[in-house]
Amino acid sequence: HKKKTRKLRWHVSNGHGRICKHHKHPVSRCNASSMNLNRINLDKYHPGYFGKVGMRKFHLKKNQKKTRKLRGHISHGHGRIGK
């Protein structure tokens, strides 16, 4: 048997068609498809998804609320609600 590629040498589209074409990744890799395909959907339901706004701080540690102390205060009657 001959390889198909040998037979299709010098043929313009090499058997993959002129319109759809042959790509390793026909859409794109990972989340990049949202930029191309789902843009209308994302703009409609998730405005502000694309673009840069403000400064990003990596590894941001927000203040942790200590719930144990709060529970202790409530159970002892220090912080009664609706008094």
N, C-alpha and C. Protein backbone atom coordinates (compact mmCIF):
# COMPACT_ATOMS: atom_id res chain seq x y z
N HIS A 1 0.83 -1.20 0.00
CA HIS A 1 0.00 0.00 0.00
C HIS A 1 0.87 1.24 0.00
N LYS A 2 0.43 2.20 -0.77
CA LYS A 2 1.08 3.50 -0.73
C LYS A 2 0.44 4.33 0.36
N LYS A 3 1.21 5.23 0.90
CA LYS A 3 0.64 6.16 1.88
C LYS A 3 -0.26 7.15 1.15
N LYS A 4 -1.32 7.58 1.82
CA LYS A 4 -2.26 8.52 1.22
C LYS A 4 -1.56 9.85 0.92
N THR A 5 -0.63 10.21 1.79
CA THR A 5 0.06 11.49 1.59
C THR A 5 0.87 11.48 0.30
N ARG A 6 1.42 10.32 -0.06
CA ARG A 6 2.20 10.24 -1.30
C ARG A 6 1.29 10.49 -2.50
N LYS A 7 0.07 9.95 -2.42
CA LYS A 7 -0.85 10.09 -3.53
C LYS A 7 -1.33 11.54 -3.65
N LEU A 8 -1.46 12.21 -2.49
CA LEU A 8 -2.02 13.56 -2.48
C LEU A 8 -0.96 14.65 -2.61
N ARG A 9 0.29 14.27 -2.86
CA ARG A 9 1.32 15.28 -3.11
C ARG A 9 0.92 16.13 -4.30
N TRP A 10 1.19 17.42 -4.20
CA TRP A 10 0.92 18.41 -5.24
C TRP A 10 -0.56 18.72 -5.39
N HIS A 11 -1.42 18.10 -4.57
CA HIS A 11 -2.82 18.51 -4.54
C HIS A 11 -2.94 19.64 -3.52
N VAL A 12 -3.66 20.67 -3.88
CA VAL A 12 -3.63 21.91 -3.11
C VAL A 12 -4.00 21.70 -1.64
N SER A 13 -5.15 21.09 -1.37
CA SER A 13 -5.61 21.00 0.02
C SER A 13 -5.24 19.67 0.68
N ASN A 14 -4.58 18.81 -0.05
CA ASN A 14 -4.11 17.53 0.49
C ASN A 14 -5.25 16.69 1.06
N GLY A 15 -6.45 16.81 0.48
CA GLY A 15 -7.57 15.97 0.89
C GLY A 15 -8.32 16.46 2.10
N HIS A 16 -8.03 17.67 2.56
CA HIS A 16 -8.73 18.19 3.74
C HIS A 16 -9.77 19.25 3.40
N GLY A 17 -9.90 19.58 2.14
CA GLY A 17 -10.92 20.54 1.72
C GLY A 17 -10.45 21.97 1.82
N ARG A 18 -10.93 22.79 0.90
CA ARG A 18 -10.48 24.19 0.87
C ARG A 18 -11.21 25.05 1.90
N ILE A 19 -12.45 24.69 2.20
CA ILE A 19 -13.27 25.57 3.04
C ILE A 19 -13.00 25.31 4.52
N CYS A 20 -13.20 24.08 4.98
CA CYS A 20 -13.03 23.80 6.41
C CYS A 20 -11.58 23.75 6.83
N LYS A 21 -10.69 23.33 5.96
CA LYS A 21 -9.25 23.29 6.22
C LYS A 21 -8.90 22.31 7.33
N HIS A 22 -7.63 22.00 7.43
CA HIS A 22 -7.16 21.04 8.43
C HIS A 22 -6.25 21.75 9.41
N HIS A 23 -6.60 21.68 10.69
CA HIS A 23 -5.78 22.29 11.73
C HIS A 23 -5.58 21.28 12.84
N LYS A 24 -4.48 21.41 13.58
CA LYS A 24 -4.28 20.55 14.75
C LYS A 24 -5.34 20.86 15.79
N HIS A 25 -5.60 22.15 16.02
CA HIS A 25 -6.63 22.57 16.97
C HIS A 25 -7.61 23.45 16.20
N PRO A 26 -8.71 22.87 15.71
CA PRO A 26 -9.61 23.61 14.84
C PRO A 26 -10.18 24.88 15.47
N VAL A 27 -10.41 24.87 16.77
CA VAL A 27 -10.94 26.08 17.41
C VAL A 27 -9.78 26.83 18.01
N SER A 28 -9.32 26.41 19.14
CA SER A 28 -8.15 26.98 19.79
C SER A 28 -7.93 26.21 21.08
N ARG A 29 -6.89 26.54 21.79
CA ARG A 29 -6.54 25.77 22.97
C ARG A 29 -7.18 26.35 24.23
N CYS A 30 -7.51 25.50 25.16
CA CYS A 30 -7.99 25.87 26.49
C CYS A 30 -9.17 26.84 26.44
N ASN A 31 -9.07 27.96 27.15
CA ASN A 31 -10.19 28.89 27.26
C ASN A 31 -10.19 29.94 26.15
N ALA A 32 -9.27 29.82 25.21
CA ALA A 32 -9.17 30.83 24.17
C ALA A 32 -10.40 30.82 23.27
N SER A 33 -11.15 29.72 23.25
CA SER A 33 -12.32 29.65 22.39
C SER A 33 -13.36 30.68 22.79
N SER A 34 -13.36 31.08 24.06
CA SER A 34 -14.33 32.08 24.50
C SER A 34 -14.10 33.40 23.79
N MET A 35 -12.84 33.67 23.44
CA MET A 35 -12.55 34.92 22.73
C MET A 35 -13.14 34.88 21.33
N ASN A 36 -13.16 33.70 20.72
CA ASN A 36 -13.58 33.59 19.33
C ASN A 36 -15.05 33.21 19.19
N LEU A 37 -15.46 32.15 19.88
CA LEU A 37 -16.78 31.58 19.62
C LEU A 37 -17.86 32.14 20.53
N ASN A 38 -17.58 32.21 21.81
CA ASN A 38 -18.63 32.52 22.78
C ASN A 38 -18.66 33.98 23.18
N ARG A 39 -18.08 34.85 22.39
CA ARG A 39 -17.94 36.24 22.79
C ARG A 39 -19.31 36.90 23.00
N ILE A 40 -20.25 36.64 22.12
CA ILE A 40 -21.57 37.26 22.21
C ILE A 40 -22.24 36.82 23.51
N ASN A 41 -22.17 35.52 23.78
CA ASN A 41 -22.78 34.98 25.00
C ASN A 41 -22.13 35.58 26.24
N LEU A 42 -20.82 35.67 26.24
CA LEU A 42 -20.11 36.18 27.42
C LEU A 42 -20.37 37.67 27.60
N ASP A 43 -20.42 38.41 26.50
CA ASP A 43 -20.71 39.85 26.61
C ASP A 43 -22.13 40.08 27.13
N LYS A 44 -23.03 39.18 26.76
CA LYS A 44 -24.43 39.34 27.15
C LYS A 44 -24.64 39.00 28.62
N TYR A 45 -24.13 37.85 29.03
CA TYR A 45 -24.42 37.35 30.38
C TYR A 45 -23.30 37.62 31.39
N HIS A 46 -22.10 37.89 30.92
CA HIS A 46 -20.98 38.17 31.83
C HIS A 46 -20.24 39.42 31.37
N PRO A 47 -20.85 40.58 31.47
CA PRO A 47 -20.16 41.79 31.01
C PRO A 47 -18.92 42.05 31.85
N GLY A 48 -17.88 42.53 31.19
CA GLY A 48 -16.64 42.80 31.90
C GLY A 48 -15.74 41.60 32.02
N TYR A 49 -16.06 40.50 31.32
CA TYR A 49 -15.22 39.30 31.37
C TYR A 49 -13.89 39.55 30.66
N PHE A 50 -13.95 40.28 29.56
CA PHE A 50 -12.74 40.59 28.81
C PHE A 50 -12.25 41.98 29.19
N GLY A 51 -10.96 42.17 29.08
CA GLY A 51 -10.38 43.48 29.35
C GLY A 51 -9.79 43.55 30.74
N LYS A 52 -9.03 44.62 30.94
CA LYS A 52 -8.34 44.79 32.22
C LYS A 52 -8.94 45.96 32.97
N VAL A 53 -9.22 45.76 34.23
CA VAL A 53 -9.73 46.84 35.08
C VAL A 53 -9.01 46.73 36.41
N GLY A 54 -8.34 47.78 36.81
CA GLY A 54 -7.68 47.80 38.12
C GLY A 54 -6.41 46.96 38.15
N MET A 55 -5.81 46.90 39.32
CA MET A 55 -4.59 46.13 39.51
C MET A 55 -4.92 44.81 40.17
N ARG A 56 -4.29 43.76 39.68
CA ARG A 56 -4.47 42.46 40.28
C ARG A 56 -3.36 42.23 41.28
N LYS A 57 -3.72 41.78 42.45
CA LYS A 57 -2.70 41.45 43.44
C LYS A 57 -2.73 39.94 43.63
N PHE A 58 -1.63 39.30 43.26
CA PHE A 58 -1.56 37.86 43.36
C PHE A 58 -1.35 37.46 44.81
N HIS A 59 -1.90 36.35 45.19
CA HIS A 59 -1.75 35.79 46.54
C HIS A 59 -2.25 36.78 47.59
N LEU A 60 -3.43 37.31 47.35
CA LEU A 60 -4.02 38.28 48.28
C LEU A 60 -4.62 37.54 49.46
N LYS A 61 -4.21 37.92 50.64
CA LYS A 61 -4.77 37.31 51.85
C LYS A 61 -5.74 38.30 52.47
N LYS A 62 -7.01 37.96 52.47
CA LYS A 62 -8.01 38.82 53.08
C LYS A 62 -8.07 38.53 54.57
N ASN A 63 -8.57 39.49 55.34
CA ASN A 63 -8.67 39.30 56.78
C ASN A 63 -9.63 38.16 57.09
N GLN A 64 -9.17 37.26 57.94
CA GLN A 64 -10.01 36.12 58.30
C GLN A 64 -10.84 36.48 59.52
N LYS A 65 -12.10 36.13 59.44
CA LYS A 65 -13.00 36.38 60.56
C LYS A 65 -12.99 35.16 61.46
N LYS A 66 -12.80 35.38 62.74
CA LYS A 66 -12.72 34.27 63.68
C LYS A 66 -14.13 33.93 64.16
N THR A 67 -14.69 32.89 63.57
CA THR A 67 -16.07 32.54 63.87
C THR A 67 -16.20 31.87 65.24
N ARG A 68 -15.15 31.26 65.72
CA ARG A 68 -15.24 30.60 67.04
C ARG A 68 -15.55 31.62 68.13
N LYS A 69 -14.84 32.76 68.08
CA LYS A 69 -15.08 33.79 69.10
C LYS A 69 -16.50 34.34 68.99
N LEU A 70 -16.95 34.53 67.75
CA LEU A 70 -18.30 35.06 67.55
C LEU A 70 -19.34 34.10 68.12
N ARG A 71 -19.17 32.81 67.84
CA ARG A 71 -20.12 31.82 68.35
C ARG A 71 -20.12 31.80 69.87
N GLY A 72 -18.93 31.94 70.46
CA GLY A 72 -18.83 31.97 71.91
C GLY A 72 -19.58 33.13 72.51
N HIS A 73 -19.46 34.32 71.90
CA HIS A 73 -20.14 35.51 72.40
C HIS A 73 -21.66 35.36 72.30
N ILE A 74 -22.11 34.80 71.19
CA ILE A 74 -23.55 34.67 70.98
C ILE A 74 -24.13 33.65 71.97
N SER A 75 -23.40 32.54 72.19
CA SER A 75 -23.93 31.51 73.08
C SER A 75 -23.98 31.99 74.54
N HIS A 76 -23.06 32.88 74.92
CA HIS A 76 -23.04 33.38 76.30
C HIS A 76 -24.02 34.53 76.52
N GLY A 77 -24.62 35.01 75.45
CA GLY A 77 -25.62 36.06 75.60
C GLY A 77 -25.05 37.46 75.53
N HIS A 78 -23.82 37.62 75.02
CA HIS A 78 -23.24 38.96 74.90
C HIS A 78 -23.86 39.73 73.74
N GLY A 79 -24.12 39.04 72.65
CA GLY A 79 -24.63 39.73 71.48
C GLY A 79 -25.99 39.24 71.11
N ARG A 80 -26.99 39.63 71.83
CA ARG A 80 -28.35 39.18 71.53
C ARG A 80 -28.94 40.07 70.44
N ILE A 81 -29.59 39.40 69.49
CA ILE A 81 -30.19 40.12 68.37
C ILE A 81 -31.67 40.28 68.64
N GLY A 82 -32.20 41.46 68.33
CA GLY A 82 -33.62 41.73 68.49
C GLY A 82 -34.03 41.99 69.92
N LYS A 83 -33.16 42.60 70.68
CA LYS A 83 -33.46 42.90 72.08
C LYS A 83 -34.26 44.18 72.20
